[in-house]
């Protein structure tokens, strides 16, 4: 590098190129981390409980994929759901009696399983779980939302998401 001849010039060019490649790689890694999001699976009967959860997550800096924001009216929702789950960092499953009856929620759980996306079940109310859902959700960290105030369960949710690799450590300190 310190040589004044053509070989030294070539070495300086290679060092500059390597530095630029490293910087671009770092930018791409940051974009990948920044583009990670959680997918929320829920039954339509639970909208009033789920939308505020999504809003709280967004306010804490967690990107959220939720059908009302991600699927255009009249669009074929199936491919959008599949892509949303496949590209997510984790799937939040809003658990209620309605969601345990919902064919769509069960399919979304199966897709998360297929694409090896971790789940975070959010227990909205005490409910009976069908055996197939119990099988899919067994072993994951459950967050008991129930009728508890946000201040009690929301930090648990942020810690669970952080443990799954979403870089939200700054949000954990503020919630």
N, C-alpha and C. Protein backbone atom coordinates (compact mmCIF):
# COMPACT_ATOMS: atom_id res chain seq x y z
N UNK A 1 0.83 -1.19 0.00
CA UNK A 1 0.00 0.00 0.00
C UNK A 1 0.88 1.26 0.00
N UNK A 2 1.98 1.21 0.68
CA UNK A 2 2.84 2.38 0.79
C UNK A 2 3.78 2.55 -0.40
N UNK A 3 3.81 1.58 -1.28
CA UNK A 3 4.70 1.68 -2.45
C UNK A 3 4.18 2.74 -3.42
N UNK A 4 5.06 3.51 -4.02
CA UNK A 4 4.64 4.57 -4.96
C UNK A 4 4.39 4.05 -6.37
N UNK A 5 4.64 2.80 -6.64
CA UNK A 5 4.51 2.29 -8.01
C UNK A 5 3.10 1.75 -8.28
N UNK A 6 2.95 1.13 -9.44
CA UNK A 6 1.65 0.61 -9.87
C UNK A 6 1.11 -0.45 -8.92
N UNK A 7 1.96 -1.28 -8.36
CA UNK A 7 1.52 -2.30 -7.42
C UNK A 7 0.94 -1.67 -6.15
N UNK A 8 1.56 -0.62 -5.65
CA UNK A 8 1.03 0.10 -4.49
C UNK A 8 -0.31 0.74 -4.81
N UNK A 9 -0.43 1.31 -6.02
CA UNK A 9 -1.71 1.90 -6.45
C UNK A 9 -2.80 0.84 -6.49
N UNK A 10 -2.46 -0.34 -7.05
CA UNK A 10 -3.43 -1.43 -7.13
C UNK A 10 -3.87 -1.87 -5.72
N UNK A 11 -2.93 -1.93 -4.80
CA UNK A 11 -3.26 -2.30 -3.42
C UNK A 11 -4.21 -1.29 -2.80
N UNK A 12 -3.98 0.01 -3.05
CA UNK A 12 -4.86 1.05 -2.51
C UNK A 12 -6.26 0.94 -3.11
N UNK A 13 -6.33 0.62 -4.39
CA UNK A 13 -7.64 0.45 -5.05
C UNK A 13 -8.38 -0.72 -4.41
N UNK A 14 -7.69 -1.84 -4.19
CA UNK A 14 -8.33 -3.00 -3.58
C UNK A 14 -8.81 -2.70 -2.16
N UNK A 15 -8.04 -1.96 -1.41
CA UNK A 15 -8.45 -1.59 -0.04
C UNK A 15 -9.68 -0.71 -0.08
N UNK A 16 -9.71 0.26 -0.99
CA UNK A 16 -10.90 1.12 -1.13
C UNK A 16 -12.12 0.30 -1.52
N UNK A 17 -11.93 -0.62 -2.47
CA UNK A 17 -13.04 -1.48 -2.90
C UNK A 17 -13.54 -2.35 -1.75
N UNK A 18 -12.63 -2.93 -0.99
CA UNK A 18 -13.03 -3.77 0.14
C UNK A 18 -13.79 -2.97 1.18
N UNK A 19 -13.35 -1.75 1.42
CA UNK A 19 -14.04 -0.87 2.38
C UNK A 19 -15.45 -0.56 1.89
N UNK A 20 -15.59 -0.26 0.60
CA UNK A 20 -16.91 0.04 0.04
C UNK A 20 -17.83 -1.17 0.10
N UNK A 21 -17.30 -2.35 -0.20
CA UNK A 21 -18.11 -3.57 -0.12
C UNK A 21 -18.57 -3.80 1.31
N UNK A 22 -17.69 -3.61 2.27
CA UNK A 22 -18.05 -3.79 3.68
C UNK A 22 -19.13 -2.80 4.09
N UNK A 23 -19.00 -1.55 3.65
CA UNK A 23 -20.01 -0.53 3.98
C UNK A 23 -21.36 -0.89 3.36
N UNK A 24 -21.36 -1.33 2.09
CA UNK A 24 -22.62 -1.73 1.43
C UNK A 24 -23.25 -2.93 2.12
N UNK A 25 -22.42 -3.88 2.50
CA UNK A 25 -22.94 -5.06 3.20
C UNK A 25 -23.59 -4.66 4.52
N UNK A 26 -22.97 -3.75 5.24
CA UNK A 26 -23.53 -3.28 6.50
C UNK A 26 -24.86 -2.56 6.28
N UNK A 27 -24.94 -1.75 5.21
CA UNK A 27 -26.20 -1.06 4.89
C UNK A 27 -27.29 -2.07 4.57
N UNK A 28 -26.96 -3.11 3.81
CA UNK A 28 -27.95 -4.14 3.47
C UNK A 28 -28.40 -4.89 4.71
N UNK A 29 -27.47 -5.22 5.59
CA UNK A 29 -27.86 -5.89 6.84
C UNK A 29 -28.81 -5.03 7.64
N UNK A 30 -28.54 -3.75 7.71
CA UNK A 30 -29.41 -2.82 8.45
C UNK A 30 -30.79 -2.76 7.80
N UNK A 31 -30.83 -2.74 6.46
CA UNK A 31 -32.12 -2.72 5.77
C UNK A 31 -32.91 -3.97 6.06
N UNK A 32 -32.24 -5.12 6.09
CA UNK A 32 -32.93 -6.38 6.38
C UNK A 32 -33.51 -6.34 7.78
N UNK A 33 -32.72 -5.90 8.75
CA UNK A 33 -33.20 -5.80 10.13
C UNK A 33 -34.34 -4.80 10.21
N UNK A 34 -34.20 -3.64 9.54
CA UNK A 34 -35.23 -2.61 9.58
C UNK A 34 -36.53 -3.08 8.92
N UNK A 35 -36.42 -4.00 7.94
CA UNK A 35 -37.62 -4.41 7.23
C UNK A 35 -38.34 -5.57 7.91
N UNK A 36 -37.78 -6.08 9.00
CA UNK A 36 -38.44 -7.18 9.69
C UNK A 36 -39.68 -6.67 10.41
N UNK A 37 -40.67 -7.51 10.47
CA UNK A 37 -41.93 -7.12 11.07
C UNK A 37 -42.58 -8.33 11.70
N UNK A 38 -43.61 -8.06 12.50
CA UNK A 38 -44.43 -9.14 13.05
C UNK A 38 -45.75 -9.17 12.30
N UNK A 39 -46.23 -10.37 12.08
CA UNK A 39 -47.51 -10.61 11.43
C UNK A 39 -48.52 -10.88 12.53
N UNK A 40 -49.68 -10.25 12.47
CA UNK A 40 -50.71 -10.50 13.49
C UNK A 40 -51.84 -11.33 12.87
N UNK A 41 -52.06 -12.50 13.46
CA UNK A 41 -53.13 -13.39 13.06
C UNK A 41 -54.26 -13.25 14.08
N UNK A 42 -55.46 -13.01 13.60
CA UNK A 42 -56.58 -12.81 14.52
C UNK A 42 -57.90 -13.11 13.81
N UNK A 43 -58.93 -13.34 14.58
CA UNK A 43 -60.28 -13.51 14.04
C UNK A 43 -60.92 -12.13 13.92
N UNK A 44 -61.75 -11.94 12.92
CA UNK A 44 -62.37 -10.64 12.70
C UNK A 44 -63.18 -10.18 13.92
N UNK A 45 -63.70 -11.12 14.69
CA UNK A 45 -64.46 -10.75 15.90
C UNK A 45 -63.57 -10.08 16.95
N UNK A 46 -62.25 -10.21 16.82
CA UNK A 46 -61.33 -9.65 17.80
C UNK A 46 -60.69 -8.33 17.36
N UNK A 47 -61.18 -7.76 16.29
CA UNK A 47 -60.58 -6.52 15.76
C UNK A 47 -60.41 -5.43 16.82
N UNK A 48 -61.46 -5.21 17.60
CA UNK A 48 -61.41 -4.12 18.59
C UNK A 48 -60.31 -4.33 19.63
N UNK A 49 -59.94 -5.57 19.89
CA UNK A 49 -58.85 -5.86 20.84
C UNK A 49 -57.49 -5.86 20.15
N UNK A 50 -57.45 -6.25 18.87
CA UNK A 50 -56.18 -6.43 18.17
C UNK A 50 -55.63 -5.12 17.61
N UNK A 51 -56.49 -4.28 17.06
CA UNK A 51 -55.99 -3.03 16.46
C UNK A 51 -55.22 -2.17 17.45
N UNK A 52 -55.70 -2.01 18.69
CA UNK A 52 -54.90 -1.24 19.65
C UNK A 52 -53.54 -1.88 19.97
N UNK A 53 -53.48 -3.22 19.95
CA UNK A 53 -52.20 -3.90 20.16
C UNK A 53 -51.24 -3.55 19.02
N UNK A 54 -51.76 -3.60 17.79
CA UNK A 54 -50.93 -3.26 16.63
C UNK A 54 -50.45 -1.81 16.72
N UNK A 55 -51.35 -0.92 17.11
CA UNK A 55 -50.98 0.50 17.23
C UNK A 55 -49.92 0.71 18.32
N UNK A 56 -50.04 -0.01 19.42
CA UNK A 56 -49.05 0.10 20.50
C UNK A 56 -47.69 -0.41 20.04
N UNK A 57 -47.69 -1.50 19.30
CA UNK A 57 -46.43 -2.03 18.78
C UNK A 57 -45.77 -1.04 17.82
N UNK A 58 -46.57 -0.48 16.91
CA UNK A 58 -46.04 0.50 15.96
C UNK A 58 -45.47 1.71 16.71
N UNK A 59 -46.20 2.16 17.73
CA UNK A 59 -45.73 3.31 18.51
C UNK A 59 -44.42 3.01 19.22
N UNK A 60 -44.18 1.71 19.54
CA UNK A 60 -42.95 1.30 20.20
C UNK A 60 -41.83 1.02 19.20
N UNK A 61 -42.11 1.22 17.91
CA UNK A 61 -41.08 1.03 16.91
C UNK A 61 -41.04 -0.35 16.28
N UNK A 62 -42.07 -1.17 16.50
CA UNK A 62 -42.13 -2.51 15.91
C UNK A 62 -43.03 -2.44 14.68
N UNK A 63 -42.48 -2.82 13.53
CA UNK A 63 -43.31 -2.88 12.32
C UNK A 63 -44.30 -4.02 12.45
N UNK A 64 -45.52 -3.77 12.02
CA UNK A 64 -46.60 -4.74 12.15
C UNK A 64 -47.24 -4.96 10.79
N UNK A 65 -47.45 -6.23 10.44
CA UNK A 65 -48.21 -6.61 9.25
C UNK A 65 -49.58 -7.00 9.75
N UNK A 66 -50.58 -6.21 9.35
CA UNK A 66 -51.96 -6.53 9.72
C UNK A 66 -52.80 -6.31 8.48
N UNK A 67 -53.73 -7.21 8.25
CA UNK A 67 -54.45 -7.24 6.98
C UNK A 67 -55.08 -5.91 6.58
N UNK A 68 -55.64 -5.18 7.52
CA UNK A 68 -56.34 -3.93 7.17
C UNK A 68 -55.40 -2.91 6.52
N UNK A 69 -54.11 -2.99 6.84
CA UNK A 69 -53.14 -2.04 6.29
C UNK A 69 -52.38 -2.60 5.09
N UNK A 70 -52.29 -3.91 4.98
CA UNK A 70 -51.41 -4.53 3.98
C UNK A 70 -52.12 -5.10 2.76
N UNK A 71 -53.43 -5.31 2.85
CA UNK A 71 -54.14 -5.91 1.71
C UNK A 71 -55.10 -4.88 1.14
N UNK A 72 -54.90 -4.56 -0.12
CA UNK A 72 -55.76 -3.59 -0.79
C UNK A 72 -57.16 -4.18 -0.97
N UNK A 73 -58.16 -3.32 -0.91
CA UNK A 73 -59.53 -3.75 -1.11
C UNK A 73 -59.70 -4.47 -2.44
N UNK A 74 -60.36 -5.60 -2.43
CA UNK A 74 -60.61 -6.37 -3.64
C UNK A 74 -59.46 -7.26 -4.06
N UNK A 75 -58.34 -7.18 -3.36
CA UNK A 75 -57.17 -8.01 -3.71
C UNK A 75 -57.41 -9.45 -3.26
N UNK A 76 -56.73 -10.37 -3.92
CA UNK A 76 -56.76 -11.76 -3.51
C UNK A 76 -55.92 -11.87 -2.24
N UNK A 77 -56.58 -12.08 -1.11
CA UNK A 77 -55.87 -12.01 0.16
C UNK A 77 -54.95 -13.20 0.41
N UNK A 78 -55.23 -14.36 -0.18
CA UNK A 78 -54.43 -15.56 0.07
C UNK A 78 -52.95 -15.36 -0.16
N UNK A 79 -52.54 -14.94 -1.37
CA UNK A 79 -51.10 -14.74 -1.61
C UNK A 79 -50.49 -13.67 -0.71
N UNK A 80 -51.27 -12.64 -0.38
CA UNK A 80 -50.77 -11.59 0.51
C UNK A 80 -50.50 -12.14 1.91
N UNK A 81 -51.39 -12.99 2.39
CA UNK A 81 -51.22 -13.60 3.70
C UNK A 81 -49.98 -14.50 3.70
N UNK A 82 -49.86 -15.34 2.68
CA UNK A 82 -48.71 -16.26 2.60
C UNK A 82 -47.41 -15.48 2.59
N UNK A 83 -47.32 -14.46 1.75
CA UNK A 83 -46.09 -13.67 1.67
C UNK A 83 -45.85 -12.92 2.98
N UNK A 84 -46.91 -12.40 3.58
CA UNK A 84 -46.77 -11.69 4.84
C UNK A 84 -46.20 -12.57 5.94
N UNK A 85 -46.67 -13.81 6.02
CA UNK A 85 -46.16 -14.74 7.03
C UNK A 85 -44.75 -15.18 6.67
N UNK A 86 -44.54 -15.54 5.41
CA UNK A 86 -43.23 -16.04 4.98
C UNK A 86 -42.11 -15.02 5.24
N UNK A 87 -42.41 -13.73 5.05
CA UNK A 87 -41.39 -12.69 5.18
C UNK A 87 -41.32 -12.09 6.58
N UNK A 88 -42.17 -12.55 7.49
CA UNK A 88 -42.20 -11.96 8.84
C UNK A 88 -41.08 -12.52 9.71
N UNK A 89 -40.81 -11.79 10.77
CA UNK A 89 -39.85 -12.26 11.77
C UNK A 89 -40.53 -13.15 12.80
N UNK A 90 -41.81 -12.91 13.02
CA UNK A 90 -42.58 -13.68 14.00
C UNK A 90 -44.06 -13.49 13.70
N UNK A 91 -44.87 -14.39 14.22
CA UNK A 91 -46.32 -14.32 14.07
C UNK A 91 -46.94 -14.20 15.45
N UNK A 92 -47.69 -13.13 15.64
CA UNK A 92 -48.47 -12.97 16.86
C UNK A 92 -49.83 -13.60 16.61
N UNK A 93 -50.24 -14.51 17.45
CA UNK A 93 -51.53 -15.18 17.29
C UNK A 93 -52.44 -14.69 18.40
N UNK A 94 -53.45 -13.91 18.05
CA UNK A 94 -54.43 -13.43 19.03
C UNK A 94 -55.36 -14.60 19.34
N UNK A 95 -55.30 -15.10 20.55
CA UNK A 95 -56.03 -16.30 20.94
C UNK A 95 -57.31 -15.94 21.70
N UNK A 96 -58.41 -16.39 21.14
CA UNK A 96 -59.72 -16.18 21.74
C UNK A 96 -60.61 -17.33 21.29
N UNK A 97 -61.81 -17.39 21.82
CA UNK A 97 -62.75 -18.41 21.36
C UNK A 97 -63.01 -18.25 19.87
N UNK A 98 -63.15 -17.02 19.42
CA UNK A 98 -63.41 -16.77 18.00
C UNK A 98 -62.24 -17.21 17.13
N UNK A 99 -61.02 -16.93 17.55
CA UNK A 99 -59.87 -17.31 16.73
C UNK A 99 -59.68 -18.82 16.68
N UNK A 100 -60.07 -19.51 17.75
CA UNK A 100 -59.95 -20.97 17.75
C UNK A 100 -61.00 -21.62 16.86
N UNK A 101 -62.05 -20.89 16.51
CA UNK A 101 -63.04 -21.37 15.55
C UNK A 101 -62.71 -20.94 14.13
N UNK A 102 -61.80 -20.01 13.97
CA UNK A 102 -61.50 -19.41 12.67
C UNK A 102 -60.61 -20.32 11.82
N UNK A 103 -61.11 -20.69 10.65
CA UNK A 103 -60.32 -21.48 9.71
C UNK A 103 -59.10 -20.70 9.26
N UNK A 104 -59.26 -19.38 9.08
CA UNK A 104 -58.14 -18.55 8.61
C UNK A 104 -57.01 -18.49 9.63
N UNK A 105 -57.35 -18.32 10.90
CA UNK A 105 -56.32 -18.28 11.93
C UNK A 105 -55.57 -19.61 11.97
N UNK A 106 -56.30 -20.71 11.90
CA UNK A 106 -55.65 -22.03 11.91
C UNK A 106 -54.73 -22.18 10.69
N UNK A 107 -55.16 -21.71 9.53
CA UNK A 107 -54.30 -21.77 8.34
C UNK A 107 -53.06 -20.90 8.51
N UNK A 108 -53.22 -19.75 9.12
CA UNK A 108 -52.08 -18.86 9.34
C UNK A 108 -51.08 -19.49 10.32
N UNK A 109 -51.58 -20.18 11.32
CA UNK A 109 -50.69 -20.90 12.25
C UNK A 109 -49.94 -21.99 11.49
N UNK A 110 -50.65 -22.72 10.62
CA UNK A 110 -50.00 -23.77 9.82
C UNK A 110 -48.94 -23.17 8.90
N UNK A 111 -49.22 -22.02 8.30
CA UNK A 111 -48.23 -21.38 7.43
C UNK A 111 -47.00 -20.94 8.21
N UNK A 112 -47.21 -20.40 9.40
CA UNK A 112 -46.08 -20.01 10.24
C UNK A 112 -45.24 -21.24 10.56
N UNK A 113 -45.89 -22.34 10.83
CA UNK A 113 -45.20 -23.60 11.10
C UNK A 113 -44.40 -24.02 9.86
N UNK A 114 -45.05 -23.97 8.71
CA UNK A 114 -44.40 -24.38 7.45
C UNK A 114 -43.15 -23.54 7.17
N UNK A 115 -43.24 -22.25 7.39
CA UNK A 115 -42.12 -21.35 7.09
C UNK A 115 -41.22 -21.12 8.31
N UNK A 116 -41.43 -21.92 9.33
CA UNK A 116 -40.60 -21.90 10.54
C UNK A 116 -40.51 -20.51 11.17
N UNK A 117 -41.65 -19.85 11.23
CA UNK A 117 -41.71 -18.55 11.88
C UNK A 117 -42.13 -18.77 13.33
N UNK A 118 -41.43 -18.15 14.25
CA UNK A 118 -41.82 -18.31 15.65
C UNK A 118 -43.17 -17.64 15.92
N UNK A 119 -43.87 -18.20 16.88
CA UNK A 119 -45.16 -17.65 17.30
C UNK A 119 -45.01 -16.95 18.64
N UNK A 120 -45.86 -15.98 18.84
CA UNK A 120 -46.07 -15.44 20.18
C UNK A 120 -47.58 -15.40 20.36
N UNK A 121 -48.13 -16.40 21.05
CA UNK A 121 -49.57 -16.39 21.29
C UNK A 121 -49.95 -15.31 22.30
N UNK A 122 -50.94 -14.52 21.95
CA UNK A 122 -51.47 -13.47 22.83
C UNK A 122 -52.83 -13.95 23.33
N UNK A 123 -52.89 -14.31 24.57
CA UNK A 123 -54.13 -14.83 25.14
C UNK A 123 -55.05 -13.66 25.46
N UNK A 124 -56.04 -13.45 24.59
CA UNK A 124 -56.98 -12.34 24.76
C UNK A 124 -58.04 -12.66 25.80
N UNK A 125 -58.37 -13.94 25.91
CA UNK A 125 -59.39 -14.39 26.87
C UNK A 125 -59.15 -15.86 27.15
N UNK A 126 -59.67 -16.33 28.27
CA UNK A 126 -59.56 -17.76 28.56
C UNK A 126 -60.38 -18.51 27.53
N UNK A 127 -59.79 -19.51 26.95
CA UNK A 127 -60.49 -20.25 25.91
C UNK A 127 -59.97 -21.67 25.83
N UNK A 128 -60.77 -22.53 25.27
CA UNK A 128 -60.36 -23.91 25.02
C UNK A 128 -59.62 -23.95 23.68
N UNK A 129 -58.52 -24.69 23.64
CA UNK A 129 -57.74 -24.80 22.42
C UNK A 129 -57.95 -26.18 21.81
N UNK A 130 -58.28 -26.21 20.51
CA UNK A 130 -58.36 -27.51 19.84
C UNK A 130 -56.98 -28.19 19.87
N UNK A 131 -56.96 -29.49 19.81
CA UNK A 131 -55.70 -30.22 19.91
C UNK A 131 -54.69 -29.80 18.85
N UNK A 132 -55.15 -29.56 17.62
CA UNK A 132 -54.18 -29.18 16.58
C UNK A 132 -53.54 -27.83 16.90
N UNK A 133 -54.29 -26.89 17.42
CA UNK A 133 -53.73 -25.58 17.78
C UNK A 133 -52.80 -25.72 18.98
N UNK A 134 -53.20 -26.53 19.96
CA UNK A 134 -52.33 -26.77 21.12
C UNK A 134 -50.99 -27.33 20.64
N UNK A 135 -51.04 -28.25 19.70
CA UNK A 135 -49.82 -28.86 19.17
C UNK A 135 -48.92 -27.79 18.53
N UNK A 136 -49.49 -26.93 17.70
CA UNK A 136 -48.69 -25.93 16.99
C UNK A 136 -48.12 -24.87 17.92
N UNK A 137 -48.89 -24.51 18.93
CA UNK A 137 -48.46 -23.40 19.80
C UNK A 137 -47.70 -23.85 21.03
N UNK A 138 -47.61 -25.14 21.25
CA UNK A 138 -46.91 -25.65 22.43
C UNK A 138 -45.44 -25.23 22.41
N UNK A 139 -44.97 -24.80 23.55
CA UNK A 139 -43.55 -24.48 23.68
C UNK A 139 -43.19 -23.04 23.40
N UNK A 140 -44.12 -22.23 22.94
CA UNK A 140 -43.82 -20.83 22.69
C UNK A 140 -44.18 -19.99 23.90
N UNK A 141 -43.60 -18.83 23.99
CA UNK A 141 -43.89 -17.94 25.11
C UNK A 141 -45.26 -17.31 24.92
N UNK A 142 -46.13 -17.55 25.88
CA UNK A 142 -47.48 -17.00 25.85
C UNK A 142 -47.49 -15.67 26.57
N UNK A 143 -48.24 -14.73 26.04
CA UNK A 143 -48.43 -13.44 26.69
C UNK A 143 -49.91 -13.36 27.08
N UNK A 144 -50.17 -13.28 28.37
CA UNK A 144 -51.55 -13.21 28.86
C UNK A 144 -52.01 -11.76 28.85
N UNK A 145 -52.71 -11.38 27.79
CA UNK A 145 -53.25 -10.03 27.69
C UNK A 145 -54.47 -9.92 28.60
N UNK A 146 -55.43 -10.81 28.37
CA UNK A 146 -56.66 -10.88 29.15
C UNK A 146 -57.22 -9.48 29.40
N UNK A 147 -57.59 -9.21 30.63
CA UNK A 147 -58.11 -7.88 30.98
C UNK A 147 -57.06 -7.06 31.73
N UNK A 148 -55.80 -7.46 31.61
CA UNK A 148 -54.73 -6.76 32.31
C UNK A 148 -54.43 -5.44 31.62
N UNK A 149 -53.99 -4.44 32.37
CA UNK A 149 -53.59 -3.18 31.74
C UNK A 149 -52.36 -3.39 30.87
N UNK A 150 -52.24 -2.57 29.81
CA UNK A 150 -51.11 -2.66 28.89
C UNK A 150 -49.77 -2.65 29.62
N UNK A 151 -49.66 -1.85 30.64
CA UNK A 151 -48.40 -1.70 31.36
C UNK A 151 -47.93 -3.02 31.96
N UNK A 152 -48.84 -3.97 32.17
CA UNK A 152 -48.46 -5.26 32.75
C UNK A 152 -48.00 -6.26 31.70
N UNK A 153 -48.66 -6.34 30.56
CA UNK A 153 -48.33 -7.37 29.58
C UNK A 153 -47.51 -6.86 28.40
N UNK A 154 -47.61 -5.57 28.06
CA UNK A 154 -46.92 -5.07 26.88
C UNK A 154 -45.39 -5.19 26.98
N UNK A 155 -44.78 -4.88 28.12
CA UNK A 155 -43.33 -5.08 28.23
C UNK A 155 -42.92 -6.55 28.02
N UNK A 156 -43.77 -7.49 28.47
CA UNK A 156 -43.51 -8.92 28.25
C UNK A 156 -43.46 -9.22 26.75
N UNK A 157 -44.41 -8.64 26.01
CA UNK A 157 -44.46 -8.85 24.57
C UNK A 157 -43.21 -8.29 23.89
N UNK A 158 -42.81 -7.09 24.28
CA UNK A 158 -41.61 -6.50 23.67
C UNK A 158 -40.38 -7.33 23.98
N UNK A 159 -40.26 -7.83 25.20
CA UNK A 159 -39.11 -8.68 25.54
C UNK A 159 -39.14 -9.97 24.72
N UNK A 160 -40.31 -10.56 24.55
CA UNK A 160 -40.43 -11.79 23.76
C UNK A 160 -39.99 -11.53 22.31
N UNK A 161 -40.43 -10.42 21.74
CA UNK A 161 -40.05 -10.10 20.36
C UNK A 161 -38.55 -9.82 20.26
N UNK A 162 -38.02 -9.15 21.25
CA UNK A 162 -36.58 -8.89 21.27
C UNK A 162 -35.80 -10.20 21.34
N UNK A 163 -36.29 -11.14 22.15
CA UNK A 163 -35.64 -12.45 22.27
C UNK A 163 -35.71 -13.24 20.97
N UNK A 164 -36.67 -12.93 20.12
CA UNK A 164 -36.79 -13.61 18.84
C UNK A 164 -35.93 -12.96 17.76
N UNK A 165 -35.22 -11.91 18.12
CA UNK A 165 -34.30 -11.31 17.17
C UNK A 165 -34.72 -9.99 16.58
N UNK A 166 -35.89 -9.48 16.93
CA UNK A 166 -36.25 -8.14 16.46
C UNK A 166 -35.50 -7.15 17.33
N UNK A 167 -34.76 -6.28 16.73
CA UNK A 167 -33.95 -5.34 17.50
C UNK A 167 -34.83 -4.19 17.98
N UNK A 168 -35.46 -4.42 19.12
CA UNK A 168 -36.35 -3.40 19.69
C UNK A 168 -35.93 -3.06 21.11
N UNK A 169 -34.65 -3.22 21.38
CA UNK A 169 -34.17 -2.97 22.75
C UNK A 169 -34.47 -1.55 23.19
N UNK A 170 -34.46 -0.58 22.28
CA UNK A 170 -34.78 0.79 22.67
C UNK A 170 -36.23 0.91 23.08
N UNK A 171 -37.12 0.16 22.43
CA UNK A 171 -38.54 0.20 22.78
C UNK A 171 -38.78 -0.43 24.15
N UNK A 172 -37.99 -1.42 24.50
CA UNK A 172 -38.19 -2.10 25.78
C UNK A 172 -37.93 -1.13 26.92
N UNK A 173 -36.94 -0.28 26.77
CA UNK A 173 -36.62 0.68 27.82
C UNK A 173 -37.65 1.78 27.97
N UNK A 174 -38.46 2.02 26.91
CA UNK A 174 -39.43 3.12 26.96
C UNK A 174 -40.82 2.66 27.33
N UNK A 175 -41.08 1.37 27.32
CA UNK A 175 -42.46 0.93 27.60
C UNK A 175 -42.68 0.67 29.06
